[in-house]
Amino acid sequence: MLITFKSQTSPDVTMYQEHAHRILDVLSKSHTRGVITAAEAAHAIKLLEQEVALSKLHPEVDAEHANHSHSHHLPVEDESAEMAEKNHIGFAQRAYPLLEMLRAARDGGDNVVWGI
């Protein structure tokens, strides 16, 4: 399943539900539908930036999370462990588009919504 985040101030951001869940858990928001108001955006940005920093500081957490969730990366028969690691998309990369949307929403005084 996909979750699409919408805001008047930026293009839609669509991601797999399992990846959005981690972000929404950090923000203490519903996985099915919700809103981050313009007033909440600054705090949401701060929380996500902290989680991004932690994921970069402790990449093993990203690897552990990836092992517990479906990865949407089709295994290649002759792919080495080194190549698989190189192809890994971490939390920081997944959160970046939503962080940009939140910054635009904060600056533009708009809300971010999903599931409606």
PDB file of N, CA and C in Angstrom:
ATOM      1  N   MET A   1       0.842  -1.187   0.000  1.00  0.00           N
ATOM      2  CA  MET A   1       0.000   0.000   0.000  1.00  0.00           C
ATOM      3  C   MET A   1       0.885   1.248   0.000  1.00  0.00           C
ATOM      4  N   LEU A   2       0.329   2.298  -0.526  1.00  0.00           N
ATOM      5  CA  LEU A   2       1.025   3.573  -0.602  1.00  0.00           C
ATOM      6  C   LEU A   2       0.333   4.607   0.272  1.00  0.00           C
ATOM      7  N   ILE A   3       1.114   5.551   0.763  1.00  0.00           N
ATOM      8  CA  ILE A   3       0.581   6.711   1.473  1.00  0.00           C
ATOM      9  C   ILE A   3       1.044   7.938   0.702  1.00  0.00           C
ATOM     10  N   THR A   4       0.109   8.829   0.405  1.00  0.00           N
ATOM     11  CA  THR A   4       0.438  10.066  -0.299  1.00  0.00           C
ATOM     12  C   THR A   4       0.209  11.244   0.629  1.00  0.00           C
ATOM     13  N   PHE A   5       1.269  12.010   0.844  1.00  0.00           N
ATOM     14  CA  PHE A   5       1.210  13.226   1.644  1.00  0.00           C
ATOM     15  C   PHE A   5       0.945  14.381   0.688  1.00  0.00           C
ATOM     16  N   LYS A   6       0.038  15.279   1.089  1.00  0.00           N
ATOM     17  CA  LYS A   6      -0.361  16.392   0.231  1.00  0.00           C
ATOM     18  C   LYS A   6      -0.243  17.711   0.988  1.00  0.00           C
ATOM     19  N   SER A   7       0.115  18.740   0.250  1.00  0.00           N
ATOM     20  CA  SER A   7       0.200  20.086   0.786  1.00  0.00           C
ATOM     21  C   SER A   7       0.041  21.065  -0.365  1.00  0.00           C
ATOM     22  N   GLN A   8      -0.531  22.205  -0.083  1.00  0.00           N
ATOM     23  CA  GLN A   8      -0.712  23.235  -1.107  1.00  0.00           C
ATOM     24  C   GLN A   8       0.625  23.836  -1.556  1.00  0.00           C
ATOM     25  N   THR A   9       1.650  23.737  -0.702  1.00  0.00           N
ATOM     26  CA  THR A   9       2.907  24.432  -0.962  1.00  0.00           C
ATOM     27  C   THR A   9       3.967  23.596  -1.666  1.00  0.00           C
ATOM     28  N   SER A  10       3.675  22.324  -1.947  1.00  0.00           N
ATOM     29  CA  SER A  10       4.673  21.491  -2.617  1.00  0.00           C
ATOM     30  C   SER A  10       3.995  20.314  -3.322  1.00  0.00           C
ATOM     31  N   PRO A  11       4.731  19.649  -4.199  1.00  0.00           N
ATOM     32  CA  PRO A  11       4.168  18.473  -4.883  1.00  0.00           C
ATOM     33  C   PRO A  11       3.876  17.342  -3.881  1.00  0.00           C
ATOM     34  N   ASP A  12       3.001  16.431  -4.270  1.00  0.00           N
ATOM     35  CA  ASP A  12       2.689  15.283  -3.419  1.00  0.00           C
ATOM     36  C   ASP A  12       3.939  14.431  -3.189  1.00  0.00           C
ATOM     37  N   VAL A  13       3.966  13.795  -2.028  1.00  0.00           N
ATOM     38  CA  VAL A  13       5.026  12.850  -1.686  1.00  0.00           C
ATOM     39  C   VAL A  13       4.352  11.507  -1.434  1.00  0.00           C
ATOM     40  N   THR A  14       4.712  10.501  -2.223  1.00  0.00           N
ATOM     41  CA  THR A  14       4.133   9.172  -2.085  1.00  0.00           C
ATOM     42  C   THR A  14       5.227   8.199  -1.668  1.00  0.00           C
ATOM     43  N   MET A  15       4.909   7.369  -0.678  1.00  0.00           N
ATOM     44  CA  MET A  15       5.864   6.356  -0.241  1.00  0.00           C
ATOM     45  C   MET A  15       5.126   5.102   0.189  1.00  0.00           C
ATOM     46  N   TYR A  16       5.871   4.013   0.224  1.00  0.00           N
ATOM     47  CA  TYR A  16       5.289   2.767   0.696  1.00  0.00           C
ATOM     48  C   TYR A  16       4.868   2.941   2.155  1.00  0.00           C
ATOM     49  N   GLN A  17       3.756   2.335   2.497  1.00  0.00           N
ATOM     50  CA  GLN A  17       3.183   2.445   3.831  1.00  0.00           C
ATOM     51  C   GLN A  17       4.193   2.042   4.906  1.00  0.00           C
ATOM     52  N   GLU A  18       4.921   0.959   4.679  1.00  0.00           N
ATOM     53  CA  GLU A  18       5.867   0.484   5.684  1.00  0.00           C
ATOM     54  C   GLU A  18       6.978   1.495   5.964  1.00  0.00           C
ATOM     55  N   HIS A  19       7.357   2.281   4.963  1.00  0.00           N
ATOM     56  CA  HIS A  19       8.380   3.304   5.176  1.00  0.00           C
ATOM     57  C   HIS A  19       7.774   4.532   5.846  1.00  0.00           C
ATOM     58  N   ALA A  20       6.551   4.855   5.475  1.00  0.00           N
ATOM     59  CA  ALA A  20       5.869   5.998   6.090  1.00  0.00           C
ATOM     60  C   ALA A  20       5.566   5.724   7.563  1.00  0.00           C
ATOM     61  N   HIS A  21       5.327   4.461   7.918  1.00  0.00           N
ATOM     62  CA  HIS A  21       5.009   4.133   9.309  1.00  0.00           C
ATOM     63  C   HIS A  21       6.100   4.587  10.261  1.00  0.00           C
ATOM     64  N   ARG A  22       7.343   4.367   9.902  1.00  0.00           N
ATOM     65  CA  ARG A  22       8.437   4.787  10.791  1.00  0.00           C
ATOM     66  C   ARG A  22       8.421   6.304  10.986  1.00  0.00           C
ATOM     67  N   ILE A  23       8.204   7.029   9.917  1.00  0.00           N
ATOM     68  CA  ILE A  23       8.149   8.491  10.003  1.00  0.00           C
ATOM     69  C   ILE A  23       6.961   8.918  10.869  1.00  0.00           C
ATOM     70  N   LEU A  24       5.808   8.326  10.610  1.00  0.00           N
ATOM     71  CA  LEU A  24       4.611   8.692  11.361  1.00  0.00           C
ATOM     72  C   LEU A  24       4.716   8.285  12.828  1.00  0.00           C
ATOM     73  N   ASP A  25       5.411   7.190  13.105  1.00  0.00           N
ATOM     74  CA  ASP A  25       5.645   6.800  14.499  1.00  0.00           C
ATOM     75  C   ASP A  25       6.498   7.843  15.218  1.00  0.00           C
ATOM     76  N   VAL A  26       7.531   8.334  14.544  1.00  0.00           N
ATOM     77  CA  VAL A  26       8.388   9.379  15.127  1.00  0.00           C
ATOM     78  C   VAL A  26       7.555  10.619  15.451  1.00  0.00           C
ATOM     79  N   LEU A  27       6.586  10.915  14.585  1.00  0.00           N
ATOM     80  CA  LEU A  27       5.746  12.104  14.757  1.00  0.00           C
ATOM     81  C   LEU A  27       4.511  11.842  15.619  1.00  0.00           C
ATOM     82  N   SER A  28       4.341  10.594  16.075  1.00  0.00           N
ATOM     83  CA  SER A  28       3.164  10.198  16.875  1.00  0.00           C
ATOM     84  C   SER A  28       1.865  10.523  16.140  1.00  0.00           C
ATOM     85  N   LYS A  29       1.828  10.157  14.857  1.00  0.00           N
ATOM     86  CA  LYS A  29       0.662  10.400  14.017  1.00  0.00           C
ATOM     87  C   LYS A  29       0.072   9.080  13.536  1.00  0.00           C
ATOM     88  N   SER A  30      -1.196   9.114  13.171  1.00  0.00           N
ATOM     89  CA  SER A  30      -1.907   7.949  12.661  1.00  0.00           C
ATOM     90  C   SER A  30      -1.317   7.476  11.338  1.00  0.00           C
ATOM     91  N   HIS A  31      -1.284   6.170  11.153  1.00  0.00           N
ATOM     92  CA  HIS A  31      -0.788   5.606   9.900  1.00  0.00           C
ATOM     93  C   HIS A  31      -1.814   5.708   8.778  1.00  0.00           C
ATOM     94  N   THR A  32      -3.075   5.819   9.111  1.00  0.00           N
ATOM     95  CA  THR A  32      -4.110   5.772   8.079  1.00  0.00           C
ATOM     96  C   THR A  32      -4.470   7.135   7.512  1.00  0.00           C
ATOM     97  N   ARG A  33      -4.646   8.113   8.373  1.00  0.00           N
ATOM     98  CA  ARG A  33      -4.925   9.467   7.885  1.00  0.00           C
ATOM     99  C   ARG A  33      -4.649  10.475   8.984  1.00  0.00           C
ATOM    100  N   GLY A  34      -4.323  11.688   8.545  1.00  0.00           N
ATOM    101  CA  GLY A  34      -4.008  12.702   9.540  1.00  0.00           C
ATOM    102  C   GLY A  34      -3.591  14.014   8.924  1.00  0.00           C
ATOM    103  N   VAL A  35      -3.150  14.883   9.806  1.00  0.00           N
ATOM    104  CA  VAL A  35      -2.727  16.218   9.402  1.00  0.00           C
ATOM    105  C   VAL A  35      -1.578  16.668  10.294  1.00  0.00           C
ATOM    106  N   ILE A  36      -0.647  17.361   9.689  1.00  0.00           N
ATOM    107  CA  ILE A  36       0.378  18.103  10.419  1.00  0.00           C
ATOM    108  C   ILE A  36       0.113  19.548  10.068  1.00  0.00           C
ATOM    109  N   THR A  37      -0.343  20.303  11.043  1.00  0.00           N
ATOM    110  CA  THR A  37      -0.683  21.695  10.780  1.00  0.00           C
ATOM    111  C   THR A  37       0.585  22.522  10.582  1.00  0.00           C
ATOM    112  N   ALA A  38       0.412  23.702  10.021  1.00  0.00           N
ATOM    113  CA  ALA A  38       1.544  24.612   9.839  1.00  0.00           C
ATOM    114  C   ALA A  38       2.196  24.922  11.183  1.00  0.00           C
ATOM    115  N   ALA A  39       1.376  25.001  12.227  1.00  0.00           N
ATOM    116  CA  ALA A  39       1.907  25.282  13.566  1.00  0.00           C
ATOM    117  C   ALA A  39       2.720  24.108  14.105  1.00  0.00           C
ATOM    118  N   GLU A  40       2.364  22.889  13.724  1.00  0.00           N
ATOM    119  CA  GLU A  40       3.087  21.685  14.177  1.00  0.00           C
ATOM    120  C   GLU A  40       4.315  21.384  13.326  1.00  0.00           C
ATOM    121  N   ALA A  41       4.397  21.974  12.159  1.00  0.00           N
ATOM    122  CA  ALA A  41       5.444  21.617  11.194  1.00  0.00           C
ATOM    123  C   ALA A  41       6.851  21.817  11.750  1.00  0.00           C
ATOM    124  N   ALA A  42       7.107  22.903  12.456  1.00  0.00           N
ATOM    125  CA  ALA A  42       8.448  23.155  12.995  1.00  0.00           C
ATOM    126  C   ALA A  42       8.867  22.047  13.956  1.00  0.00           C
ATOM    127  N   HIS A  43       7.952  21.625  14.817  1.00  0.00           N
ATOM    128  CA  HIS A  43       8.266  20.543  15.763  1.00  0.00           C
ATOM    129  C   HIS A  43       8.454  19.219  15.024  1.00  0.00           C
ATOM    130  N   ALA A  44       7.632  18.963  14.019  1.00  0.00           N
ATOM    131  CA  ALA A  44       7.753  17.735  13.230  1.00  0.00           C
ATOM    132  C   ALA A  44       9.105  17.692  12.512  1.00  0.00           C
ATOM    133  N   ILE A  45       9.522  18.816  11.975  1.00  0.00           N
ATOM    134  CA  ILE A  45      10.830  18.905  11.308  1.00  0.00           C
ATOM    135  C   ILE A  45      11.943  18.581  12.291  1.00  0.00           C
ATOM    136  N   LYS A  46      11.854  19.157  13.473  1.00  0.00           N
ATOM    137  CA  LYS A  46      12.880  18.927  14.503  1.00  0.00           C
ATOM    138  C   LYS A  46      12.953  17.441  14.855  1.00  0.00           C
ATOM    139  N   LEU A  47      11.800  16.801  15.059  1.00  0.00           N
ATOM    140  CA  LEU A  47      11.772  15.380  15.406  1.00  0.00           C
ATOM    141  C   LEU A  47      12.363  14.517  14.285  1.00  0.00           C
ATOM    142  N   LEU A  48      11.980  14.800  13.049  1.00  0.00           N
ATOM    143  CA  LEU A  48      12.503  14.015  11.927  1.00  0.00           C
ATOM    144  C   LEU A  48      13.999  14.242  11.726  1.00  0.00           C
ATOM    145  N   GLU A  49      14.453  15.470  11.881  1.00  0.00           N
ATOM    146  CA  GLU A  49      15.888  15.749  11.753  1.00  0.00           C
ATOM    147  C   GLU A  49      16.686  15.012  12.820  1.00  0.00           C
ATOM    148  N   GLN A  50      16.142  14.921  14.031  1.00  0.00           N
ATOM    149  CA  GLN A  50      16.808  14.165  15.096  1.00  0.00           C
ATOM    150  C   GLN A  50      16.888  12.687  14.740  1.00  0.00           C
ATOM    151  N   GLU A  51      15.795  12.128  14.206  1.00  0.00           N
ATOM    152  CA  GLU A  51      15.777  10.719  13.813  1.00  0.00           C
ATOM    153  C   GLU A  51      16.728  10.462  12.654  1.00  0.00           C
ATOM    154  N   VAL A  52      16.804  11.385  11.708  1.00  0.00           N
ATOM    155  CA  VAL A  52      17.731  11.265  10.593  1.00  0.00           C
ATOM    156  C   VAL A  52      19.167  11.263  11.118  1.00  0.00           C
ATOM    157  N   ALA A  53      19.471  12.179  12.027  1.00  0.00           N
ATOM    158  CA  ALA A  53      20.817  12.247  12.601  1.00  0.00           C
ATOM    159  C   ALA A  53      21.166  10.951  13.323  1.00  0.00           C
ATOM    160  N   LEU A  54      20.219  10.409  14.088  1.00  0.00           N
ATOM    161  CA  LEU A  54      20.461   9.138  14.783  1.00  0.00           C
ATOM    162  C   LEU A  54      20.681   7.998  13.794  1.00  0.00           C
ATOM    163  N   SER A  55      19.905   7.979  12.715  1.00  0.00           N
ATOM    164  CA  SER A  55      20.059   6.897  11.738  1.00  0.00           C
ATOM    165  C   SER A  55      21.408   6.982  11.034  1.00  0.00           C
ATOM    166  N   LYS A  56      21.912   8.192  10.840  1.00  0.00           N
ATOM    167  CA  LYS A  56      23.231   8.343  10.227  1.00  0.00           C
ATOM    168  C   LYS A  56      24.336   7.981  11.209  1.00  0.00           C
ATOM    169  N   LEU A  57      24.118   8.292  12.473  1.00  0.00           N
ATOM    170  CA  LEU A  57      25.094   7.990  13.517  1.00  0.00           C
ATOM    171  C   LEU A  57      25.159   6.488  13.795  1.00  0.00           C
ATOM    172  N   HIS A  58      24.007   5.816  13.657  1.00  0.00           N
ATOM    173  CA  HIS A  58      23.909   4.387  13.933  1.00  0.00           C
ATOM    174  C   HIS A  58      23.300   3.665  12.736  1.00  0.00           C
ATOM    175  N   PRO A  59      24.066   3.470  11.676  1.00  0.00           N
ATOM    176  CA  PRO A  59      23.507   2.841  10.472  1.00  0.00           C
ATOM    177  C   PRO A  59      23.028   1.411  10.707  1.00  0.00           C
ATOM    178  N   GLU A  60      23.493   0.779  11.751  1.00  0.00           N
ATOM    179  CA  GLU A  60      23.028  -0.585  12.034  1.00  0.00           C
ATOM    180  C   GLU A  60      21.542  -0.605  12.364  1.00  0.00           C
ATOM    181  N   VAL A  61      21.002   0.500  12.880  1.00  0.00           N
ATOM    182  CA  VAL A  61      19.567   0.589  13.151  1.00  0.00           C
ATOM    183  C   VAL A  61      18.788   0.547  11.842  1.00  0.00           C
ATOM    184  N   ASP A  62      19.276   1.270  10.835  1.00  0.00           N
ATOM    185  CA  ASP A  62      18.650   1.229   9.509  1.00  0.00           C
ATOM    186  C   ASP A  62      18.704  -0.187   8.941  1.00  0.00           C
ATOM    187  N   ALA A  63      19.854  -0.837   9.068  1.00  0.00           N
ATOM    188  CA  ALA A  63      20.006  -2.194   8.543  1.00  0.00           C
ATOM    189  C   ALA A  63      19.067  -3.147   9.269  1.00  0.00           C
ATOM    190  N   GLU A  64      18.952  -3.002  10.579  1.00  0.00           N
ATOM    191  CA  GLU A  64      18.055  -3.857  11.355  1.00  0.00           C
ATOM    192  C   GLU A  64      16.601  -3.623  10.943  1.00  0.00           C
ATOM    193  N   HIS A  65      16.235  -2.360  10.750  1.00  0.00           N
ATOM    194  CA  HIS A  65      14.876  -2.035  10.326  1.00  0.00           C
ATOM    195  C   HIS A  65      14.589  -2.624   8.943  1.00  0.00           C
ATOM    196  N   ALA A  66      15.547  -2.540   8.054  1.00  0.00           N
ATOM    197  CA  ALA A  66      15.377  -3.075   6.700  1.00  0.00           C
ATOM    198  C   ALA A  66      15.210  -4.591   6.730  1.00  0.00           C
ATOM    199  N   ASN A  67      15.898  -5.254   7.644  1.00  0.00           N
ATOM    200  CA  ASN A  67      15.785  -6.711   7.741  1.00  0.00           C
ATOM    201  C   ASN A  67      14.413  -7.151   8.249  1.00  0.00           C
ATOM    202  N   HIS A  68      13.735  -6.287   9.001  1.00  0.00           N
ATOM    203  CA  HIS A  68      12.437  -6.624   9.563  1.00  0.00           C
ATOM    204  C   HIS A  68      11.273  -6.192   8.695  1.00  0.00           C
ATOM    205  N   SER A  69      11.541  -5.529   7.606  1.00  0.00           N
ATOM    206  CA  SER A  69      10.470  -5.086   6.725  1.00  0.00           C
ATOM    207  C   SER A  69      10.771  -5.513   5.294  1.00  0.00           C
ATOM    208  N   HIS A  70       9.730  -5.572   4.506  1.00  0.00           N
ATOM    209  CA  HIS A  70       9.884  -5.909   3.096  1.00  0.00           C
ATOM    210  C   HIS A  70      10.672  -4.791   2.427  1.00  0.00           C
ATOM    211  N   SER A  71      11.653  -5.117   1.610  1.00  0.00           N
ATOM    212  CA  SER A  71      12.588  -4.092   1.144  1.00  0.00           C
ATOM    213  C   SER A  71      12.298  -3.519  -0.236  1.00  0.00           C
ATOM    214  N   HIS A  72      11.419  -4.068  -1.025  1.00  0.00           N
ATOM    215  CA  HIS A  72      11.123  -3.562  -2.376  1.00  0.00           C
ATOM    216  C   HIS A  72      12.364  -3.508  -3.254  1.00  0.00           C
ATOM    217  N   HIS A  73      13.356  -4.265  -2.899  1.00  0.00           N
ATOM    218  CA  HIS A  73      14.561  -4.367  -3.722  1.00  0.00           C
ATOM    219  C   HIS A  73      14.623  -5.803  -4.193  1.00  0.00           C
ATOM    220  N   LEU A  74      14.453  -6.013  -5.462  1.00  0.00           N
ATOM    221  CA  LEU A  74      14.480  -7.364  -5.984  1.00  0.00           C
ATOM    222  C   LEU A  74      15.906  -7.904  -5.940  1.00  0.00           C
ATOM    223  N   PRO A  75      16.109  -9.059  -5.323  1.00  0.00           N
ATOM    224  CA  PRO A  75      17.468  -9.597  -5.239  1.00  0.00           C
ATOM    225  C   PRO A  75      17.986  -9.990  -6.613  1.00  0.00           C
ATOM    226  N   VAL A  76      19.209  -9.690  -6.831  1.00  0.00           N
ATOM    227  CA  VAL A  76      19.874 -10.065  -8.066  1.00  0.00           C
ATOM    228  C   VAL A  76      20.733 -11.276  -7.741  1.00  0.00           C
ATOM    229  N   GLU A  77      20.672 -12.277  -8.588  1.00  0.00           N
ATOM    230  CA  GLU A  77      21.323 -13.542  -8.299  1.00  0.00           C
ATOM    231  C   GLU A  77      22.806 -13.399  -7.977  1.00  0.00           C
ATOM    232  N   ASP A  78      23.520 -12.572  -8.726  1.00  0.00           N
ATOM    233  CA  ASP A  78      24.961 -12.450  -8.513  1.00  0.00           C
ATOM    234  C   ASP A  78      25.340 -11.178  -7.741  1.00  0.00           C
ATOM    235  N   GLU A  79      24.397 -10.600  -7.030  1.00  0.00           N
ATOM    236  CA  GLU A  79      24.665  -9.380  -6.275  1.00  0.00           C
ATOM    237  C   GLU A  79      25.457  -9.712  -5.010  1.00  0.00           C
ATOM    238  N   SER A  80      26.559  -9.034  -4.821  1.00  0.00           N
ATOM    239  CA  SER A  80      27.387  -9.261  -3.637  1.00  0.00           C
ATOM    240  C   SER A  80      26.809  -8.503  -2.448  1.00  0.00           C
ATOM    241  N   ALA A  81      27.270  -8.860  -1.259  1.00  0.00           N
ATOM    242  CA  ALA A  81      26.839  -8.169  -0.048  1.00  0.00           C
ATOM    243  C   ALA A  81      27.225  -6.695  -0.127  1.00  0.00           C
ATOM    244  N   GLU A  82      28.389  -6.425  -0.697  1.00  0.00           N
ATOM    245  CA  GLU A  82      28.853  -5.038  -0.839  1.00  0.00           C
ATOM    246  C   GLU A  82      27.916  -4.238  -1.752  1.00  0.00           C
ATOM    247  N   MET A  83      27.499  -4.854  -2.854  1.00  0.00           N
ATOM    248  CA  MET A  83      26.589  -4.182  -3.775  1.00  0.00           C
ATOM    249  C   MET A  83      25.221  -3.983  -3.140  1.00  0.00           C
ATOM    250  N   ALA A  84      24.748  -4.971  -2.394  1.00  0.00           N
ATOM    251  CA  ALA A  84      23.456  -4.851  -1.710  1.00  0.00           C
ATOM    252  C   ALA A  84      23.499  -3.698  -0.718  1.00  0.00           C
ATOM    253  N   GLU A  85      24.613  -3.561  -0.002  1.00  0.00           N
ATOM    254  CA  GLU A  85      24.764  -2.457   0.953  1.00  0.00           C
ATOM    255  C   GLU A  85      24.770  -1.124   0.227  1.00  0.00           C
ATOM    256  N   LYS A  86      25.427  -1.071  -0.909  1.00  0.00           N
ATOM    257  CA  LYS A  86      25.498   0.158  -1.697  1.00  0.00           C
ATOM    258  C   LYS A  86      24.117   0.564  -2.207  1.00  0.00           C
ATOM    259  N   ASN A  87      23.276  -0.425  -2.524  1.00  0.00           N
ATOM    260  CA  ASN A  87      21.935  -0.165  -3.035  1.00  0.00           C
ATOM    261  C   ASN A  87      20.917   0.132  -1.937  1.00  0.00           C
ATOM    262  N   HIS A  88      21.306  -0.063  -0.683  1.00  0.00           N
ATOM    263  CA  HIS A  88      20.387   0.159   0.437  1.00  0.00           C
ATOM    264  C   HIS A  88      19.974   1.633   0.520  1.00  0.00           C
ATOM    265  N   ILE A  89      18.684   1.860   0.700  1.00  0.00           N
ATOM    266  CA  ILE A  89      18.169   3.218   0.876  1.00  0.00           C
ATOM    267  C   ILE A  89      17.821   3.379   2.345  1.00  0.00           C
ATOM    268  N   GLY A  90      18.479   4.302   3.007  1.00  0.00           N
ATOM    269  CA  GLY A  90      18.312   4.489   4.440  1.00  0.00           C
ATOM    270  C   GLY A  90      17.172   5.428   4.797  1.00  0.00           C
ATOM    271  N   PHE A  91      16.960   5.538   6.084  1.00  0.00           N
ATOM    272  CA  PHE A  91      15.891   6.387   6.603  1.00  0.00           C
ATOM    273  C   PHE A  91      16.059   7.837   6.165  1.00  0.00           C
ATOM    274  N   ALA A  92      17.279   8.333   6.187  1.00  0.00           N
ATOM    275  CA  ALA A  92      17.516   9.732   5.826  1.00  0.00           C
ATOM    276  C   ALA A  92      17.038  10.026   4.402  1.00  0.00           C
ATOM    277  N   GLN A  93      17.333   9.115   3.479  1.00  0.00           N
ATOM    278  CA  GLN A  93      16.918   9.316   2.086  1.00  0.00           C
ATOM    279  C   GLN A  93      15.407   9.207   1.943  1.00  0.00           C
ATOM    280  N   ARG A  94      14.797   8.297   2.694  1.00  0.00           N
ATOM    281  CA  ARG A  94      13.341   8.129   2.607  1.00  0.00           C
ATOM    282  C   ARG A  94      12.597   9.313   3.226  1.00  0.00           C
ATOM    283  N   ALA A  95      13.144   9.884   4.271  1.00  0.00           N
ATOM    284  CA  ALA A  95      12.478  10.984   4.974  1.00  0.00           C
ATOM    285  C   ALA A  95      12.668  12.337   4.274  1.00  0.00           C
ATOM    286  N   TYR A  96      13.703  12.459   3.458  1.00  0.00           N
ATOM    287  CA  TYR A  96      14.045  13.747   2.852  1.00  0.00           C
ATOM    288  C   TYR A  96      12.884  14.427   2.111  1.00  0.00           C
ATOM    289  N   PRO A  97      12.151  13.739   1.222  1.00  0.00           N
ATOM    290  CA  PRO A  97      11.066  14.429   0.511  1.00  0.00           C
ATOM    291  C   PRO A  97       9.982  14.972   1.452  1.00  0.00           C
ATOM    292  N   LEU A  98       9.660  14.217   2.488  1.00  0.00           N
ATOM    293  CA  LEU A  98       8.654  14.695   3.439  1.00  0.00           C
ATOM    294  C   LEU A  98       9.196  15.853   4.270  1.00  0.00           C
ATOM    295  N   LEU A  99      10.476  15.799   4.625  1.00  0.00           N
ATOM    296  CA  LEU A  99      11.086  16.929   5.335  1.00  0.00           C
ATOM    297  C   LEU A  99      11.010  18.206   4.499  1.00  0.00           C
ATOM    298  N   GLU A 100      11.288  18.089   3.212  1.00  0.00           N
ATOM    299  CA  GLU A 100      11.193  19.254   2.327  1.00  0.00           C
ATOM    300  C   GLU A 100       9.757  19.768   2.253  1.00  0.00           C
ATOM    301  N   MET A 101       8.794  18.850   2.197  1.00  0.00           N
ATOM    302  CA  MET A 101       7.390  19.246   2.184  1.00  0.00           C
ATOM    303  C   MET A 101       7.024  19.962   3.478  1.00  0.00           C
ATOM    304  N   LEU A 102       7.485  19.451   4.601  1.00  0.00           N
ATOM    305  CA  LEU A 102       7.193  20.082   5.895  1.00  0.00           C
ATOM    306  C   LEU A 102       7.812  21.474   5.992  1.00  0.00           C
ATOM    307  N   ARG A 103       9.006  21.627   5.477  1.00  0.00           N
ATOM    308  CA  ARG A 103       9.652  22.954   5.486  1.00  0.00           C
ATOM    309  C   ARG A 103       8.852  23.950   4.646  1.00  0.00           C
ATOM    310  N   ALA A 104       8.411  23.509   3.465  1.00  0.00           N
ATOM    311  CA  ALA A 104       7.607  24.377   2.600  1.00  0.00           C
ATOM    312  C   ALA A 104       6.274  24.706   3.269  1.00  0.00           C
ATOM    313  N   ALA A 105       5.669  23.728   3.930  1.00  0.00           N
ATOM    314  CA  ALA A 105       4.391  23.952   4.619  1.00  0.00           C
ATOM    315  C   ALA A 105       4.573  24.936   5.767  1.00  0.00           C
ATOM    316  N   ARG A 106       5.644  24.765   6.524  1.00  0.00           N
ATOM    317  CA  ARG A 106       5.935  25.690   7.626  1.00  0.00           C
ATOM    318  C   ARG A 106       6.117  27.113   7.093  1.00  0.00           C
ATOM    319  N   ASP A 107       6.928  27.242   6.059  1.00  0.00           N
ATOM    320  CA  ASP A 107       7.227  28.565   5.503  1.00  0.00           C
ATOM    321  C   ASP A 107       6.007  29.193   4.815  1.00  0.00           C
ATOM    322  N   GLY A 108       5.159  28.340   4.223  1.00  0.00           N
ATOM    323  CA  GLY A 108       3.983  28.839   3.509  1.00  0.00           C
ATOM    324  C   GLY A 108       2.724  28.889   4.364  1.00  0.00           C
ATOM    325  N   GLY A 109       2.815  28.444   5.613  1.00  0.00           N
ATOM    326  CA  GLY A 109       1.644  28.467   6.504  1.00  0.00           C
ATOM    327  C   GLY A 109       0.571  27.484   6.092  1.00  0.00           C
ATOM    328  N   ASP A 110       0.979  26.338   5.561  1.00  0.00           N
ATOM    329  CA  ASP A 110       0.010  25.348   5.071  1.00  0.00           C
ATOM    330  C   ASP A 110       0.123  24.060   5.869  1.00  0.00           C
ATOM    331  N   ASN A 111      -0.882  23.196   5.724  1.00  0.00           N
ATOM    332  CA  ASN A 111      -0.918  21.899   6.392  1.00  0.00           C
ATOM    333  C   ASN A 111      -0.417  20.808   5.456  1.00  0.00           C
ATOM    334  N   VAL A 112       0.016  19.695   6.055  1.00  0.00           N
ATOM    335  CA  VAL A 112       0.331  18.467   5.323  1.00  0.00           C
ATOM    336  C   VAL A 112      -0.708  17.439   5.743  1.00  0.00           C
ATOM    337  N   VAL A 113      -1.349  16.805   4.771  1.00  0.00           N
ATOM    338  CA  VAL A 113      -2.401  15.831   5.072  1.00  0.00           C
ATOM    339  C   VAL A 113      -2.110  14.523   4.338  1.00  0.00           C
ATOM    340  N   TRP A 114      -2.699  13.431   4.816  1.00  0.00           N
ATOM    341  CA  TRP A 114      -2.621  12.131   4.152  1.00  0.00           C
ATOM    342  C   TRP A 114      -3.839  11.317   4.526  1.00  0.00           C
ATOM    343  N   GLY A 115      -4.181  10.395   3.636  1.00  0.00           N
ATOM    344  CA  GLY A 115      -5.274   9.481   3.878  1.00  0.00           C
ATOM    345  C   GLY A 115      -6.663  10.057   3.772  1.00  0.00           C
ATOM    346  N   ILE A 116      -6.803  11.220   3.152  1.00  0.00           N
ATOM    347  CA  ILE A 116      -8.130  11.812   3.010  1.00  0.00           C
ATOM    348  C   ILE A 116      -8.524  11.898   1.550  1.00  0.00           C
TER     349      ILE A 116
END
